[in-house]
Amino acid sequence: MAKIDFIMVGAFHRNWMIALKAFLKGNGGLTEVQALSHEDCDFGKWLYSDGMFAYGKVFEFRRLEKVHVRLHEHVRAYMDAKQSEDEMAQEHLLLKIEAASEEILGLMKKMQNSF
């Protein structure tokens, strides 16, 4: 996999985050499945196909998968907090979502520089 592929996959994730923020505000952007499922967003589709095939044994990739799953768990928790109108939990979870996103991008950059 060439460096350009890492750039493309990073772009998938950045675009998903933009769409996620719109979704969390109730402005569309994603389907509920794309927001909640770590396997059904564009990044997850790459992760569990080409990414797993090419990098499944690389430490950073395995870490990337765990952080990606955690990000979607935070999104599910955010939606639960939104439904129960817990604004403090929503704010806290949004910070966790953003931190996981930054960690994903950092791991992608590290992998890009390694290959």
C-alpha atoms as a PDB file:
ATOM      1  CA  MET A   1       0.000   0.000   0.000  1.00  0.00           C
ATOM      2  CA  ALA A   2       1.439   3.350  -0.997  1.00  0.00           C
ATOM      3  CA  LYS A   3       1.561   6.493   1.118  1.00  0.00           C
ATOM      4  CA  ILE A   4      -1.208   7.992  -0.957  1.00  0.00           C
ATOM      5  CA  ASP A   5      -3.520   5.259   0.354  1.00  0.00           C
ATOM      6  CA  PHE A   6      -2.865   6.380   3.929  1.00  0.00           C
ATOM      7  CA  ILE A   7      -3.664   9.933   2.891  1.00  0.00           C
ATOM      8  CA  MET A   8      -6.895   8.773   1.250  1.00  0.00           C
ATOM      9  CA  VAL A   9      -7.947   6.733   4.287  1.00  0.00           C
ATOM     10  CA  GLY A  10      -7.150   9.666   6.578  1.00  0.00           C
ATOM     11  CA  ALA A  11      -9.390  11.790   4.362  1.00  0.00           C
ATOM     12  CA  PHE A  12     -12.193   9.206   4.770  1.00  0.00           C
ATOM     13  CA  HIS A  13     -11.910   9.626   8.501  1.00  0.00           C
ATOM     14  CA  ARG A  14     -11.743  13.451   8.427  1.00  0.00           C
ATOM     15  CA  ASN A  15     -14.808  13.611   6.172  1.00  0.00           C
ATOM     16  CA  TRP A  16     -16.637  11.176   8.441  1.00  0.00           C
ATOM     17  CA  MET A  17     -15.872  13.381  11.458  1.00  0.00           C
ATOM     18  CA  ILE A  18     -17.334  16.416   9.685  1.00  0.00           C
ATOM     19  CA  ALA A  19     -20.443  14.423   8.805  1.00  0.00           C
ATOM     20  CA  LEU A  20     -20.589  12.988  12.342  1.00  0.00           C
ATOM     21  CA  LYS A  21     -20.665  16.454  13.896  1.00  0.00           C
ATOM     22  CA  ALA A  22     -23.621  17.343  11.647  1.00  0.00           C
ATOM     23  CA  PHE A  23     -25.325  14.051  12.564  1.00  0.00           C
ATOM     24  CA  LEU A  24     -24.855  14.635  16.294  1.00  0.00           C
ATOM     25  CA  LYS A  25     -26.473  18.061  15.936  1.00  0.00           C
ATOM     26  CA  GLY A  26     -29.420  16.463  14.141  1.00  0.00           C
ATOM     27  CA  ASN A  27     -28.460  17.857  10.738  1.00  0.00           C
ATOM     28  CA  GLY A  28     -28.028  14.608   8.803  1.00  0.00           C
ATOM     29  CA  GLY A  29     -24.603  13.970   7.352  1.00  0.00           C
ATOM     30  CA  LEU A  30     -24.559  10.233   8.128  1.00  0.00           C
ATOM     31  CA  THR A  31     -26.979   7.416   8.538  1.00  0.00           C
ATOM     32  CA  GLU A  32     -27.326   6.011  12.029  1.00  0.00           C
ATOM     33  CA  VAL A  33     -25.525   2.851  10.891  1.00  0.00           C
ATOM     34  CA  GLN A  34     -22.560   4.856   9.556  1.00  0.00           C
ATOM     35  CA  ALA A  35     -22.348   6.764  12.825  1.00  0.00           C
ATOM     36  CA  LEU A  36     -22.728   3.839  15.212  1.00  0.00           C
ATOM     37  CA  SER A  37     -21.066   0.929  13.433  1.00  0.00           C
ATOM     38  CA  HIS A  38     -17.288   0.646  13.337  1.00  0.00           C
ATOM     39  CA  GLU A  39     -17.656  -1.706  10.364  1.00  0.00           C
ATOM     40  CA  ASP A  40     -19.992   0.376   8.200  1.00  0.00           C
ATOM     41  CA  CYS A  41     -18.273   3.759   7.997  1.00  0.00           C
ATOM     42  CA  ASP A  42     -15.870   4.256   5.052  1.00  0.00           C
ATOM     43  CA  PHE A  43     -12.857   4.008   7.353  1.00  0.00           C
ATOM     44  CA  GLY A  44     -14.146   0.761   8.860  1.00  0.00           C
ATOM     45  CA  LYS A  45     -14.781  -0.692   5.412  1.00  0.00           C
ATOM     46  CA  TRP A  46     -11.123  -0.034   4.535  1.00  0.00           C
ATOM     47  CA  LEU A  47      -9.918  -1.207   7.957  1.00  0.00           C
ATOM     48  CA  TYR A  48     -11.621  -4.606   7.706  1.00  0.00           C
ATOM     49  CA  SER A  49     -10.724  -5.254   4.070  1.00  0.00           C
ATOM     50  CA  ASP A  50      -7.621  -3.827   2.381  1.00  0.00           C
ATOM     51  CA  GLY A  51      -6.187  -2.466   5.610  1.00  0.00           C
ATOM     52  CA  MET A  52      -6.478  -5.754   7.511  1.00  0.00           C
ATOM     53  CA  PHE A  53      -5.056  -7.693   4.585  1.00  0.00           C
ATOM     54  CA  ALA A  54      -2.025  -5.428   4.218  1.00  0.00           C
ATOM     55  CA  TYR A  55      -1.350  -4.391   7.828  1.00  0.00           C
ATOM     56  CA  GLY A  56      -3.234  -6.733  10.148  1.00  0.00           C
ATOM     57  CA  LYS A  57      -0.043  -7.848  11.896  1.00  0.00           C
ATOM     58  CA  VAL A  58       1.410  -4.351  12.388  1.00  0.00           C
ATOM     59  CA  PHE A  59       1.203  -3.104  16.000  1.00  0.00           C
ATOM     60  CA  GLU A  60       0.004   0.395  15.033  1.00  0.00           C
ATOM     61  CA  PHE A  61      -2.713  -1.100  12.864  1.00  0.00           C
ATOM     62  CA  ARG A  62      -4.009  -3.290  15.692  1.00  0.00           C
ATOM     63  CA  ARG A  63      -3.993  -0.219  17.947  1.00  0.00           C
ATOM     64  CA  LEU A  64      -5.809   1.720  15.224  1.00  0.00           C
ATOM     65  CA  GLU A  65      -8.558  -0.889  15.150  1.00  0.00           C
ATOM     66  CA  LYS A  66      -9.052  -0.693  18.934  1.00  0.00           C
ATOM     67  CA  VAL A  67      -9.205   3.101  18.943  1.00  0.00           C
ATOM     68  CA  HIS A  68     -11.633   3.049  16.023  1.00  0.00           C
ATOM     69  CA  VAL A  69     -13.966   0.670  17.866  1.00  0.00           C
ATOM     70  CA  ARG A  70     -13.725   2.876  20.978  1.00  0.00           C
ATOM     71  CA  LEU A  71     -14.618   5.977  18.940  1.00  0.00           C
ATOM     72  CA  HIS A  72     -17.851   4.364  17.765  1.00  0.00           C
ATOM     73  CA  GLU A  73     -18.597   3.253  21.333  1.00  0.00           C
ATOM     74  CA  HIS A  74     -18.308   6.898  22.382  1.00  0.00           C
ATOM     75  CA  VAL A  75     -20.705   7.880  19.594  1.00  0.00           C
ATOM     76  CA  ARG A  76     -23.257   5.318  20.842  1.00  0.00           C
ATOM     77  CA  ALA A  77     -22.861   6.624  24.398  1.00  0.00           C
ATOM     78  CA  TYR A  78     -23.292  10.192  23.122  1.00  0.00           C
ATOM     79  CA  MET A  79     -26.556   9.230  21.415  1.00  0.00           C
ATOM     80  CA  ASP A  80     -27.785   7.636  24.657  1.00  0.00           C
ATOM     81  CA  ALA A  81     -26.868  10.816  26.575  1.00  0.00           C
ATOM     82  CA  LYS A  82     -28.632  12.929  23.961  1.00  0.00           C
ATOM     83  CA  GLN A  83     -31.772  10.838  24.249  1.00  0.00           C
ATOM     84  CA  SER A  84     -31.745  11.234  28.034  1.00  0.00           C
ATOM     85  CA  GLU A  85     -30.972  14.975  27.627  1.00  0.00           C
ATOM     86  CA  ASP A  86     -27.749  14.705  29.655  1.00  0.00           C
ATOM     87  CA  GLU A  87     -25.854  17.700  28.282  1.00  0.00           C
ATOM     88  CA  MET A  88     -22.835  17.285  30.567  1.00  0.00           C
ATOM     89  CA  ALA A  89     -22.360  13.699  29.393  1.00  0.00           C
ATOM     90  CA  GLN A  90     -22.743  14.831  25.788  1.00  0.00           C
ATOM     91  CA  GLU A  91     -19.987  17.428  26.205  1.00  0.00           C
ATOM     92  CA  HIS A  92     -17.713  14.902  27.915  1.00  0.00           C
ATOM     93  CA  LEU A  93     -18.325  12.274  25.237  1.00  0.00           C
ATOM     94  CA  LEU A  94     -17.763  14.757  22.418  1.00  0.00           C
ATOM     95  CA  LEU A  95     -14.298  15.404  23.878  1.00  0.00           C
ATOM     96  CA  LYS A  96     -13.677  11.644  23.961  1.00  0.00           C
ATOM     97  CA  ILE A  97     -14.828  11.324  20.346  1.00  0.00           C
ATOM     98  CA  GLU A  98     -12.484  14.107  19.255  1.00  0.00           C
ATOM     99  CA  ALA A  99      -9.569  12.624  21.234  1.00  0.00           C
ATOM    100  CA  ALA A 100     -10.102   9.197  19.649  1.00  0.00           C
ATOM    101  CA  SER A 101     -10.269  10.836  16.227  1.00  0.00           C
ATOM    102  CA  GLU A 102      -6.958  12.608  16.814  1.00  0.00           C
ATOM    103  CA  GLU A 103      -5.414   9.346  17.997  1.00  0.00           C
ATOM    104  CA  ILE A 104      -6.601   7.622  14.811  1.00  0.00           C
ATOM    105  CA  LEU A 105      -5.073  10.343  12.653  1.00  0.00           C
ATOM    106  CA  GLY A 106      -1.827  10.174  14.633  1.00  0.00           C
ATOM    107  CA  LEU A 107      -1.588   6.414  14.173  1.00  0.00           C
ATOM    108  CA  MET A 108      -2.317   6.802  10.465  1.00  0.00           C
ATOM    109  CA  LYS A 109       0.468   9.377  10.175  1.00  0.00           C
ATOM    110  CA  LYS A 110       2.858   7.082  12.028  1.00  0.00           C
ATOM    111  CA  MET A 111       2.007   4.222   9.681  1.00  0.00           C
ATOM    112  CA  GLN A 112       2.333   6.499   6.653  1.00  0.00           C
ATOM    113  CA  ASN A 113       5.836   7.477   7.754  1.00  0.00           C
ATOM    114  CA  SER A 114       6.774   3.807   8.307  1.00  0.00           C
ATOM    115  CA  PHE A 115       5.744   2.479   4.914  1.00  0.00           C
END
